[in-house]
Amino acid sequence: MPRKAKPIMFFWVYVLESIKDGDTYTGYTENLNRRLEEHKRGYNFSTKFRRPFKTIYLEASLNQEYAKQRECYLKSTAGRRYLAQRLRRYRSS
C-alpha cells in the first residue's frame, strides 16, 4: 500500500516596510499568512505603531534552523547591505 506523501512545510523569512515611516521589520515564521495578519492587526508590539506595512522581501526554506539563521543574518549589517543590493530596483522606483 502506498504511503501518503508528507506535506511540505516551509519556513518563511520576510521583510516588511512601514508605509507610515519607511522603516523595515525582518522576521521569520512557519505560517506566513497568520503572521502577516498579526502584523496587520497590530498584535506585534514591535510593529504595532508603524502600521500599515507592505511585504517587500520573502525567502522560503525547508529547514527551520536555516530560516532562523537567515533572519539573524538579514538583521546584521552585512545582511542589511545584502537586502539593500537586492532591493535596489525596488527602492529606485
C-alpha atoms as a PDB file:
ATOM      1  CA  MET A   1       0.000   0.000   0.000  1.00  0.00           C
ATOM      2  CA  PRO A   2       1.478   3.405  -0.958  1.00  0.00           C
ATOM      3  CA  ARG A   3       2.333   5.856   1.774  1.00  0.00           C
ATOM      4  CA  LYS A   4       0.735   9.234   1.929  1.00  0.00           C
ATOM      5  CA  ALA A   5       3.113  11.974   0.959  1.00  0.00           C
ATOM      6  CA  LYS A   6       4.168  14.131   3.874  1.00  0.00           C
ATOM      7  CA  PRO A   7       3.074  17.730   3.282  1.00  0.00           C
ATOM      8  CA  ILE A   8       5.916  20.122   2.592  1.00  0.00           C
ATOM      9  CA  MET A   9       6.321  22.736   5.307  1.00  0.00           C
ATOM     10  CA  PHE A  10       8.058  25.983   4.530  1.00  0.00           C
ATOM     11  CA  PHE A  11       9.673  28.339   6.998  1.00  0.00           C
ATOM     12  CA  TRP A  12       9.477  31.924   5.826  1.00  0.00           C
ATOM     13  CA  VAL A  13      11.828  34.840   6.315  1.00  0.00           C
ATOM     14  CA  TYR A  14      10.168  38.123   5.433  1.00  0.00           C
ATOM     15  CA  VAL A  15      10.827  41.838   5.371  1.00  0.00           C
ATOM     16  CA  LEU A  16       8.037  44.339   5.844  1.00  0.00           C
ATOM     17  CA  GLU A  17       8.257  48.031   5.051  1.00  0.00           C
ATOM     18  CA  SER A  18       6.207  50.508   7.030  1.00  0.00           C
ATOM     19  CA  ILE A  19       4.176  52.765   4.767  1.00  0.00           C
ATOM     20  CA  LYS A  20       3.989  55.195   7.685  1.00  0.00           C
ATOM     21  CA  ASP A  21       7.717  55.769   8.278  1.00  0.00           C
ATOM     22  CA  GLY A  22       9.600  53.697   5.660  1.00  0.00           C
ATOM     23  CA  ASP A  23      11.412  51.568   8.268  1.00  0.00           C
ATOM     24  CA  THR A  24      11.663  47.823   7.822  1.00  0.00           C
ATOM     25  CA  TYR A  25      10.902  44.843  10.049  1.00  0.00           C
ATOM     26  CA  THR A  26      12.504  41.428   9.469  1.00  0.00           C
ATOM     27  CA  GLY A  27      11.040  38.237  10.883  1.00  0.00           C
ATOM     28  CA  TYR A  28      10.559  34.517  10.346  1.00  0.00           C
ATOM     29  CA  THR A  29       7.546  32.237  10.707  1.00  0.00           C
ATOM     30  CA  GLU A  30       6.080  28.851   9.855  1.00  0.00           C
ATOM     31  CA  ASN A  31       2.694  30.297   8.934  1.00  0.00           C
ATOM     32  CA  LEU A  32       3.194  33.339   6.740  1.00  0.00           C
ATOM     33  CA  ASN A  33      -0.471  34.277   6.274  1.00  0.00           C
ATOM     34  CA  ARG A  34      -1.191  34.157  10.004  1.00  0.00           C
ATOM     35  CA  ARG A  35       1.924  36.160  10.855  1.00  0.00           C
ATOM     36  CA  LEU A  36       1.227  38.875   8.283  1.00  0.00           C
ATOM     37  CA  GLU A  37      -2.327  39.134   9.604  1.00  0.00           C
ATOM     38  CA  GLU A  38      -0.943  39.569  13.135  1.00  0.00           C
ATOM     39  CA  HIS A  39       1.231  42.447  11.918  1.00  0.00           C
ATOM     40  CA  LYS A  40      -1.709  43.940  10.044  1.00  0.00           C
ATOM     41  CA  ARG A  41      -3.951  43.857  13.135  1.00  0.00           C
ATOM     42  CA  GLY A  42      -1.254  45.245  15.443  1.00  0.00           C
ATOM     43  CA  TYR A  43      -0.786  42.146  17.608  1.00  0.00           C
ATOM     44  CA  ASN A  44       3.015  42.521  17.497  1.00  0.00           C
ATOM     45  CA  PHE A  45       4.374  45.186  19.849  1.00  0.00           C
ATOM     46  CA  SER A  46       7.423  45.814  17.634  1.00  0.00           C
ATOM     47  CA  THR A  47       5.282  46.792  14.658  1.00  0.00           C
ATOM     48  CA  LYS A  48       2.033  47.932  16.252  1.00  0.00           C
ATOM     49  CA  PHE A  49       2.729  51.654  15.962  1.00  0.00           C
ATOM     50  CA  ARG A  50       4.289  51.509  12.488  1.00  0.00           C
ATOM     51  CA  ARG A  51       1.293  50.137  10.579  1.00  0.00           C
ATOM     52  CA  PRO A  52       0.375  49.750   7.726  1.00  0.00           C
ATOM     53  CA  PHE A  53       3.003  47.544   6.087  1.00  0.00           C
ATOM     54  CA  LYS A  54       3.796  46.081   2.727  1.00  0.00           C
ATOM     55  CA  THR A  55       5.801  42.916   2.178  1.00  0.00           C
ATOM     56  CA  ILE A  56       8.942  43.756   0.212  1.00  0.00           C
ATOM     57  CA  TYR A  57      11.026  40.567   0.513  1.00  0.00           C
ATOM     58  CA  LEU A  58      10.382  36.852   1.114  1.00  0.00           C
ATOM     59  CA  GLU A  59      12.549  33.749   1.357  1.00  0.00           C
ATOM     60  CA  ALA A  60      11.265  30.204   1.843  1.00  0.00           C
ATOM     61  CA  SER A  61      13.247  27.399   3.463  1.00  0.00           C
ATOM     62  CA  LEU A  62      12.543  23.751   4.167  1.00  0.00           C
ATOM     63  CA  ASN A  63      14.750  23.889   7.251  1.00  0.00           C
ATOM     64  CA  GLN A  64      13.699  25.799  10.372  1.00  0.00           C
ATOM     65  CA  GLU A  65      17.234  26.330  11.681  1.00  0.00           C
ATOM     66  CA  TYR A  66      18.356  27.743   8.347  1.00  0.00           C
ATOM     67  CA  ALA A  67      15.404  30.165   8.343  1.00  0.00           C
ATOM     68  CA  LYS A  68      16.320  31.370  11.855  1.00  0.00           C
ATOM     69  CA  GLN A  69      19.944  31.839  10.822  1.00  0.00           C
ATOM     70  CA  ARG A  70      18.840  33.685   7.704  1.00  0.00           C
ATOM     71  CA  GLU A  71      16.661  36.020   9.769  1.00  0.00           C
ATOM     72  CA  CYS A  72      19.635  36.799  12.037  1.00  0.00           C
ATOM     73  CA  TYR A  73      21.848  37.402   9.008  1.00  0.00           C
ATOM     74  CA  LEU A  74      19.356  39.786   7.386  1.00  0.00           C
ATOM     75  CA  LYS A  75      19.235  41.775  10.647  1.00  0.00           C
ATOM     76  CA  SER A  76      23.044  42.101  10.707  1.00  0.00           C
ATOM     77  CA  THR A  77      24.993  44.882   8.999  1.00  0.00           C
ATOM     78  CA  ALA A  78      26.087  42.561   6.202  1.00  0.00           C
ATOM     79  CA  GLY A  79      22.526  41.329   5.796  1.00  0.00           C
ATOM     80  CA  ARG A  80      21.167  44.868   5.569  1.00  0.00           C
ATOM     81  CA  ARG A  81      23.712  45.585   2.844  1.00  0.00           C
ATOM     82  CA  TYR A  82      22.636  42.407   1.038  1.00  0.00           C
ATOM     83  CA  LEU A  83      18.984  43.465   1.208  1.00  0.00           C
ATOM     84  CA  ALA A  84      19.810  46.978   0.029  1.00  0.00           C
ATOM     85  CA  GLN A  85      21.520  45.462  -3.014  1.00  0.00           C
ATOM     86  CA  ARG A  86      18.651  43.043  -3.688  1.00  0.00           C
ATOM     87  CA  LEU A  87      16.033  45.777  -3.312  1.00  0.00           C
ATOM     88  CA  ARG A  88      17.917  48.470  -5.217  1.00  0.00           C
ATOM     89  CA  ARG A  89      15.488  48.468  -8.165  1.00  0.00           C
ATOM     90  CA  TYR A  90      12.503  48.407  -5.834  1.00  0.00           C
ATOM     91  CA  ARG A  91      13.792  51.424  -3.923  1.00  0.00           C
ATOM     92  CA  SER A  92      14.548  53.413  -7.087  1.00  0.00           C
ATOM     93  CA  SER A  93      11.017  53.060  -8.496  1.00  0.00           C
END
